[in-house]
Amino acid sequence: MNASELREKTPDQLRDELTNLKKEAFNLRFQQATGALESTARMRQVKRDAARVKTILNEKAAGEAN
């Protein structure tokens, strides 16, 4: 997922995406704790995607405030 795809989405869609990413991150952490995690790189990717979504949401909020 890249930033240009995220900028096309509405804030509500971004919040939904963030919720899904947080759920996935939780599941990945749980899998890691139980030793069932296959791809440790996915954890890093999910964290970064969540950060990207938060950044875009903040940009949109700042744009509306001005």
PDB file of N, CA and C in Angstrom:
ATOM      1  N   MET A   1       0.852  -1.169   0.000  1.00  0.00           N
ATOM      2  CA  MET A   1       0.000   0.000   0.000  1.00  0.00           C
ATOM      3  C   MET A   1       0.900   1.234   0.000  1.00  0.00           C
ATOM      4  N   ASN A   2       0.646   2.134  -0.939  1.00  0.00           N
ATOM      5  CA  ASN A   2       1.467   3.342  -0.962  1.00  0.00           C
ATOM      6  C   ASN A   2       0.619   4.571  -0.651  1.00  0.00           C
ATOM      7  N   ALA A   3       1.277   5.668  -0.412  1.00  0.00           N
ATOM      8  CA  ALA A   3       0.612   6.879   0.058  1.00  0.00           C
ATOM      9  C   ALA A   3      -0.357   7.445  -0.969  1.00  0.00           C
ATOM     10  N   SER A   4      -0.045   7.322  -2.257  1.00  0.00           N
ATOM     11  CA  SER A   4      -0.944   7.877  -3.269  1.00  0.00           C
ATOM     12  C   SER A   4      -2.283   7.143  -3.280  1.00  0.00           C
ATOM     13  N   GLU A   5      -2.274   5.850  -3.024  1.00  0.00           N
ATOM     14  CA  GLU A   5      -3.534   5.095  -2.934  1.00  0.00           C
ATOM     15  C   GLU A   5      -4.338   5.565  -1.722  1.00  0.00           C
ATOM     16  N   LEU A   6      -3.647   5.832  -0.632  1.00  0.00           N
ATOM     17  CA  LEU A   6      -4.328   6.238   0.589  1.00  0.00           C
ATOM     18  C   LEU A   6      -4.906   7.640   0.481  1.00  0.00           C
ATOM     19  N   ARG A   7      -4.229   8.522  -0.233  1.00  0.00           N
ATOM     20  CA  ARG A   7      -4.716   9.903  -0.355  1.00  0.00           C
ATOM     21  C   ARG A   7      -6.023   9.984  -1.137  1.00  0.00           C
ATOM     22  N   GLU A   8      -6.315   8.970  -1.937  1.00  0.00           N
ATOM     23  CA  GLU A   8      -7.559   8.955  -2.716  1.00  0.00           C
ATOM     24  C   GLU A   8      -8.760   8.548  -1.868  1.00  0.00           C
ATOM     25  N   LYS A   9      -8.513   7.967  -0.704  1.00  0.00           N
ATOM     26  CA  LYS A   9      -9.590   7.479   0.149  1.00  0.00           C
ATOM     27  C   LYS A   9     -10.138   8.588   1.040  1.00  0.00           C
ATOM     28  N   THR A  10     -11.379   8.397   1.483  1.00  0.00           N
ATOM     29  CA  THR A  10     -12.006   9.345   2.396  1.00  0.00           C
ATOM     30  C   THR A  10     -11.502   9.080   3.810  1.00  0.00           C
ATOM     31  N   PRO A  11     -11.657  10.045   4.712  1.00  0.00           N
ATOM     32  CA  PRO A  11     -11.231   9.819   6.098  1.00  0.00           C
ATOM     33  C   PRO A  11     -11.904   8.605   6.751  1.00  0.00           C
ATOM     34  N   ASP A  12     -13.171   8.367   6.438  1.00  0.00           N
ATOM     35  CA  ASP A  12     -13.853   7.199   7.009  1.00  0.00           C
ATOM     36  C   ASP A  12     -13.231   5.901   6.513  1.00  0.00           C
ATOM     37  N   GLN A  13     -12.899   5.849   5.241  1.00  0.00           N
ATOM     38  CA  GLN A  13     -12.248   4.664   4.690  1.00  0.00           C
ATOM     39  C   GLN A  13     -10.878   4.467   5.324  1.00  0.00           C
ATOM     40  N   LEU A  14     -10.172   5.571   5.569  1.00  0.00           N
ATOM     41  CA  LEU A  14      -8.851   5.489   6.202  1.00  0.00           C
ATOM     42  C   LEU A  14      -8.956   4.980   7.638  1.00  0.00           C
ATOM     43  N   ARG A  15      -9.984   5.429   8.359  1.00  0.00           N
ATOM     44  CA  ARG A  15     -10.171   4.950   9.730  1.00  0.00           C
ATOM     45  C   ARG A  15     -10.480   3.448   9.738  1.00  0.00           C
ATOM     46  N   ASP A  16     -11.281   2.994   8.782  1.00  0.00           N
ATOM     47  CA  ASP A  16     -11.570   1.564   8.661  1.00  0.00           C
ATOM     48  C   ASP A  16     -10.292   0.785   8.362  1.00  0.00           C
ATOM     49  N   GLU A  17      -9.490   1.320   7.466  1.00  0.00           N
ATOM     50  CA  GLU A  17      -8.221   0.677   7.106  1.00  0.00           C
ATOM     51  C   GLU A  17      -7.303   0.599   8.328  1.00  0.00           C
ATOM     52  N   LEU A  18      -7.257   1.673   9.111  1.00  0.00           N
ATOM     53  CA  LEU A  18      -6.429   1.696  10.308  1.00  0.00           C
ATOM     54  C   LEU A  18      -6.902   0.651  11.316  1.00  0.00           C
ATOM     55  N   THR A  19      -8.203   0.531  11.475  1.00  0.00           N
ATOM     56  CA  THR A  19      -8.763  -0.480  12.375  1.00  0.00           C
ATOM     57  C   THR A  19      -8.362  -1.880  11.934  1.00  0.00           C
ATOM     58  N   ASN A  20      -8.461  -2.139  10.630  1.00  0.00           N
ATOM     59  CA  ASN A  20      -8.077  -3.450  10.104  1.00  0.00           C
ATOM     60  C   ASN A  20      -6.591  -3.729  10.313  1.00  0.00           C
ATOM     61  N   LEU A  21      -5.768  -2.713  10.120  1.00  0.00           N
ATOM     62  CA  LEU A  21      -4.326  -2.885  10.315  1.00  0.00           C
ATOM     63  C   LEU A  21      -3.990  -3.155  11.781  1.00  0.00           C
ATOM     64  N   LYS A  22      -4.692  -2.470  12.685  1.00  0.00           N
ATOM     65  CA  LYS A  22      -4.442  -2.696  14.111  1.00  0.00           C
ATOM     66  C   LYS A  22      -4.845  -4.116  14.506  1.00  0.00           C
ATOM     67  N   LYS A  23      -5.961  -4.599  13.953  1.00  0.00           N
ATOM     68  CA  LYS A  23      -6.379  -5.977  14.228  1.00  0.00           C
ATOM     69  C   LYS A  23      -5.351  -6.968  13.693  1.00  0.00           C
ATOM     70  N   GLU A  24      -4.861  -6.706  12.496  1.00  0.00           N
ATOM     71  CA  GLU A  24      -3.859  -7.590  11.911  1.00  0.00           C
ATOM     72  C   GLU A  24      -2.572  -7.577  12.736  1.00  0.00           C
ATOM     73  N   ALA A  25      -2.169  -6.403  13.202  1.00  0.00           N
ATOM     74  CA  ALA A  25      -0.963  -6.306  14.020  1.00  0.00           C
ATOM     75  C   ALA A  25      -1.131  -7.098  15.321  1.00  0.00           C
ATOM     76  N   PHE A  26      -2.313  -7.015  15.913  1.00  0.00           N
ATOM     77  CA  PHE A  26      -2.580  -7.782  17.128  1.00  0.00           C
ATOM     78  C   PHE A  26      -2.469  -9.277  16.853  1.00  0.00           C
ATOM     79  N   ASN A  27      -3.079  -9.724  15.764  1.00  0.00           N
ATOM     80  CA  ASN A  27      -3.025 -11.140  15.415  1.00  0.00           C
ATOM     81  C   ASN A  27      -1.595 -11.597  15.140  1.00  0.00           C
ATOM     82  N   LEU A  28      -0.818 -10.752  14.491  1.00  0.00           N
ATOM     83  CA  LEU A  28       0.575 -11.101  14.219  1.00  0.00           C
ATOM     84  C   LEU A  28       1.385 -11.207  15.504  1.00  0.00           C
ATOM     85  N   ARG A  29       1.144 -10.282  16.446  1.00  0.00           N
ATOM     86  CA  ARG A  29       1.843 -10.353  17.727  1.00  0.00           C
ATOM     87  C   ARG A  29       1.465 -11.630  18.471  1.00  0.00           C
ATOM     88  N   PHE A  30       0.190 -11.991  18.401  1.00  0.00           N
ATOM     89  CA  PHE A  30      -0.277 -13.210  19.049  1.00  0.00           C
ATOM     90  C   PHE A  30       0.388 -14.430  18.418  1.00  0.00           C
ATOM     91  N   GLN A  31       0.473 -14.448  17.103  1.00  0.00           N
ATOM     92  CA  GLN A  31       1.113 -15.560  16.404  1.00  0.00           C
ATOM     93  C   GLN A  31       2.596 -15.650  16.776  1.00  0.00           C
ATOM     94  N   GLN A  32       3.243 -14.506  16.903  1.00  0.00           N
ATOM     95  CA  GLN A  32       4.652 -14.503  17.267  1.00  0.00           C
ATOM     96  C   GLN A  32       4.851 -15.079  18.666  1.00  0.00           C
ATOM     97  N   ALA A  33       3.962 -14.731  19.567  1.00  0.00           N
ATOM     98  CA  ALA A  33       4.074 -15.211  20.939  1.00  0.00           C
ATOM     99  C   ALA A  33       3.872 -16.720  21.024  1.00  0.00           C
ATOM    100  N   THR A  34       3.026 -17.255  20.158  1.00  0.00           N
ATOM    101  CA  THR A  34       2.754 -18.695  20.194  1.00  0.00           C
ATOM    102  C   THR A  34       3.697 -19.481  19.291  1.00  0.00           C
ATOM    103  N   GLY A  35       4.535 -18.775  18.544  1.00  0.00           N
ATOM    104  CA  GLY A  35       5.488 -19.448  17.667  1.00  0.00           C
ATOM    105  C   GLY A  35       4.913 -19.866  16.340  1.00  0.00           C
ATOM    106  N   ALA A  36       3.753 -19.337  15.975  1.00  0.00           N
ATOM    107  CA  ALA A  36       3.100 -19.726  14.730  1.00  0.00           C
ATOM    108  C   ALA A  36       3.325 -18.723  13.596  1.00  0.00           C
ATOM    109  N   LEU A  37       4.104 -17.679  13.845  1.00  0.00           N
ATOM    110  CA  LEU A  37       4.301 -16.627  12.849  1.00  0.00           C
ATOM    111  C   LEU A  37       5.248 -17.109  11.754  1.00  0.00           C
ATOM    112  N   GLU A  38       4.782 -17.017  10.516  1.00  0.00           N
ATOM    113  CA  GLU A  38       5.592 -17.471   9.390  1.00  0.00           C
ATOM    114  C   GLU A  38       6.450 -16.354   8.811  1.00  0.00           C
ATOM    115  N   SER A  39       5.876 -15.166   8.687  1.00  0.00           N
ATOM    116  CA  SER A  39       6.602 -14.069   8.055  1.00  0.00           C
ATOM    117  C   SER A  39       6.762 -12.910   9.046  1.00  0.00           C
ATOM    118  N   THR A  40       7.955 -12.780   9.601  1.00  0.00           N
ATOM    119  CA  THR A  40       8.189 -11.690  10.542  1.00  0.00           C
ATOM    120  C   THR A  40       8.228 -10.341   9.833  1.00  0.00           C
ATOM    121  N   ALA A  41       8.505 -10.337   8.550  1.00  0.00           N
ATOM    122  CA  ALA A  41       8.550  -9.084   7.791  1.00  0.00           C
ATOM    123  C   ALA A  41       7.163  -8.453   7.697  1.00  0.00           C
ATOM    124  N   ARG A  42       6.122  -9.270   7.780  1.00  0.00           N
ATOM    125  CA  ARG A  42       4.756  -8.736   7.699  1.00  0.00           C
ATOM    126  C   ARG A  42       4.460  -7.821   8.880  1.00  0.00           C
ATOM    127  N   MET A  43       5.029  -8.106  10.045  1.00  0.00           N
ATOM    128  CA  MET A  43       4.812  -7.245  11.212  1.00  0.00           C
ATOM    129  C   MET A  43       5.313  -5.833  10.936  1.00  0.00           C
ATOM    130  N   ARG A  44       6.503  -5.739  10.376  1.00  0.00           N
ATOM    131  CA  ARG A  44       7.083  -4.432  10.062  1.00  0.00           C
ATOM    132  C   ARG A  44       6.244  -3.714   9.011  1.00  0.00           C
ATOM    133  N   GLN A  45       5.787  -4.451   8.019  1.00  0.00           N
ATOM    134  CA  GLN A  45       4.989  -3.867   6.948  1.00  0.00           C
ATOM    135  C   GLN A  45       3.662  -3.324   7.485  1.00  0.00           C
ATOM    136  N   VAL A  46       3.026  -4.059   8.369  1.00  0.00           N
ATOM    137  CA  VAL A  46       1.750  -3.614   8.942  1.00  0.00           C
ATOM    138  C   VAL A  46       1.947  -2.366   9.792  1.00  0.00           C
ATOM    139  N   LYS A  47       3.011  -2.333  10.585  1.00  0.00           N
ATOM    140  CA  LYS A  47       3.291  -1.143  11.403  1.00  0.00           C
ATOM    141  C   LYS A  47       3.478   0.088  10.525  1.00  0.00           C
ATOM    142  N   ARG A  48       4.237  -0.082   9.455  1.00  0.00           N
ATOM    143  CA  ARG A  48       4.504   1.060   8.576  1.00  0.00           C
ATOM    144  C   ARG A  48       3.255   1.503   7.830  1.00  0.00           C
ATOM    145  N   ASP A  49       2.431   0.539   7.414  1.00  0.00           N
ATOM    146  CA  ASP A  49       1.172   0.893   6.755  1.00  0.00           C
ATOM    147  C   ASP A  49       0.264   1.667   7.705  1.00  0.00           C
ATOM    148  N   ALA A  50       0.209   1.240   8.962  1.00  0.00           N
ATOM    149  CA  ALA A  50      -0.605   1.944   9.951  1.00  0.00           C
ATOM    150  C   ALA A  50      -0.081   3.372  10.145  1.00  0.00           C
ATOM    151  N   ALA A  51       1.216   3.525  10.189  1.00  0.00           N
ATOM    152  CA  ALA A  51       1.798   4.857  10.334  1.00  0.00           C
ATOM    153  C   ALA A  51       1.474   5.730   9.124  1.00  0.00           C
ATOM    154  N   ARG A  52       1.510   5.127   7.927  1.00  0.00           N
ATOM    155  CA  ARG A  52       1.155   5.865   6.718  1.00  0.00           C
ATOM    156  C   ARG A  52      -0.289   6.346   6.770  1.00  0.00           C
ATOM    157  N   VAL A  53      -1.187   5.476   7.208  1.00  0.00           N
ATOM    158  CA  VAL A  53      -2.604   5.838   7.296  1.00  0.00           C
ATOM    159  C   VAL A  53      -2.785   6.974   8.299  1.00  0.00           C
ATOM    160  N   LYS A  54      -2.123   6.890   9.446  1.00  0.00           N
ATOM    161  CA  LYS A  54      -2.229   7.953  10.450  1.00  0.00           C
ATOM    162  C   LYS A  54      -1.706   9.274   9.907  1.00  0.00           C
ATOM    163  N   THR A  55      -0.609   9.221   9.163  1.00  0.00           N
ATOM    164  CA  THR A  55      -0.034  10.437   8.589  1.00  0.00           C
ATOM    165  C   THR A  55      -1.009  11.079   7.609  1.00  0.00           C
ATOM    166  N   ILE A  56      -1.606  10.276   6.741  1.00  0.00           N
ATOM    167  CA  ILE A  56      -2.553  10.804   5.757  1.00  0.00           C
ATOM    168  C   ILE A  56      -3.774  11.393   6.461  1.00  0.00           C
ATOM    169  N   LEU A  57      -4.269  10.702   7.506  1.00  0.00           N
ATOM    170  CA  LEU A  57      -5.404  11.229   8.261  1.00  0.00           C
ATOM    171  C   LEU A  57      -5.068  12.589   8.875  1.00  0.00           C
ATOM    172  N   ASN A  58      -3.873  12.712   9.444  1.00  0.00           N
ATOM    173  CA  ASN A  58      -3.455  13.986  10.026  1.00  0.00           C
ATOM    174  C   ASN A  58      -3.312  15.065   8.962  1.00  0.00           C
ATOM    175  N   GLU A  59      -2.816  14.696   7.789  1.00  0.00           N
ATOM    176  CA  GLU A  59      -2.697  15.671   6.696  1.00  0.00           C
ATOM    177  C   GLU A  59      -4.074  16.169   6.278  1.00  0.00           C
ATOM    178  N   LYS A  60      -5.019  15.242   6.165  1.00  0.00           N
ATOM    179  CA  LYS A  60      -6.381  15.632   5.767  1.00  0.00           C
ATOM    180  C   LYS A  60      -7.020  16.517   6.825  1.00  0.00           C
ATOM    181  N   ALA A  61      -6.813  16.190   8.098  1.00  0.00           N
ATOM    182  CA  ALA A  61      -7.372  16.980   9.187  1.00  0.00           C
ATOM    183  C   ALA A  61      -6.759  18.375   9.200  1.00  0.00           C
ATOM    184  N   ALA A  62      -5.463  18.465   8.960  1.00  0.00           N
ATOM    185  CA  ALA A  62      -4.797  19.764   8.931  1.00  0.00           C
ATOM    186  C   ALA A  62      -5.264  20.579   7.728  1.00  0.00           C
ATOM    187  N   GLY A  63      -5.507  19.906   6.621  1.00  0.00           N
ATOM    188  CA  GLY A  63      -5.984  20.594   5.420  1.00  0.00           C
ATOM    189  C   GLY A  63      -7.376  21.171   5.607  1.00  0.00           C
ATOM    190  N   GLU A  64      -8.222  20.462   6.338  1.00  0.00           N
ATOM    191  CA  GLU A  64      -9.571  20.938   6.593  1.00  0.00           C
ATOM    192  C   GLU A  64      -9.579  22.082   7.601  1.00  0.00           C
ATOM    193  N   ALA A  65      -8.615  22.088   8.507  1.00  0.00           N
ATOM    194  CA  ALA A  65      -8.549  23.122   9.537  1.00  0.00           C
ATOM    195  C   ALA A  65      -8.124  24.473   8.952  1.00  0.00           C
ATOM    196  N   ASN A  66      -7.358  24.439   7.877  1.00  0.00           N
ATOM    197  CA  ASN A  66      -6.872  25.699   7.291  1.00  0.00           C
ATOM    198  C   ASN A  66      -7.863  26.346   6.417  1.00  0.00           C
TER     199      ASN A  66
END
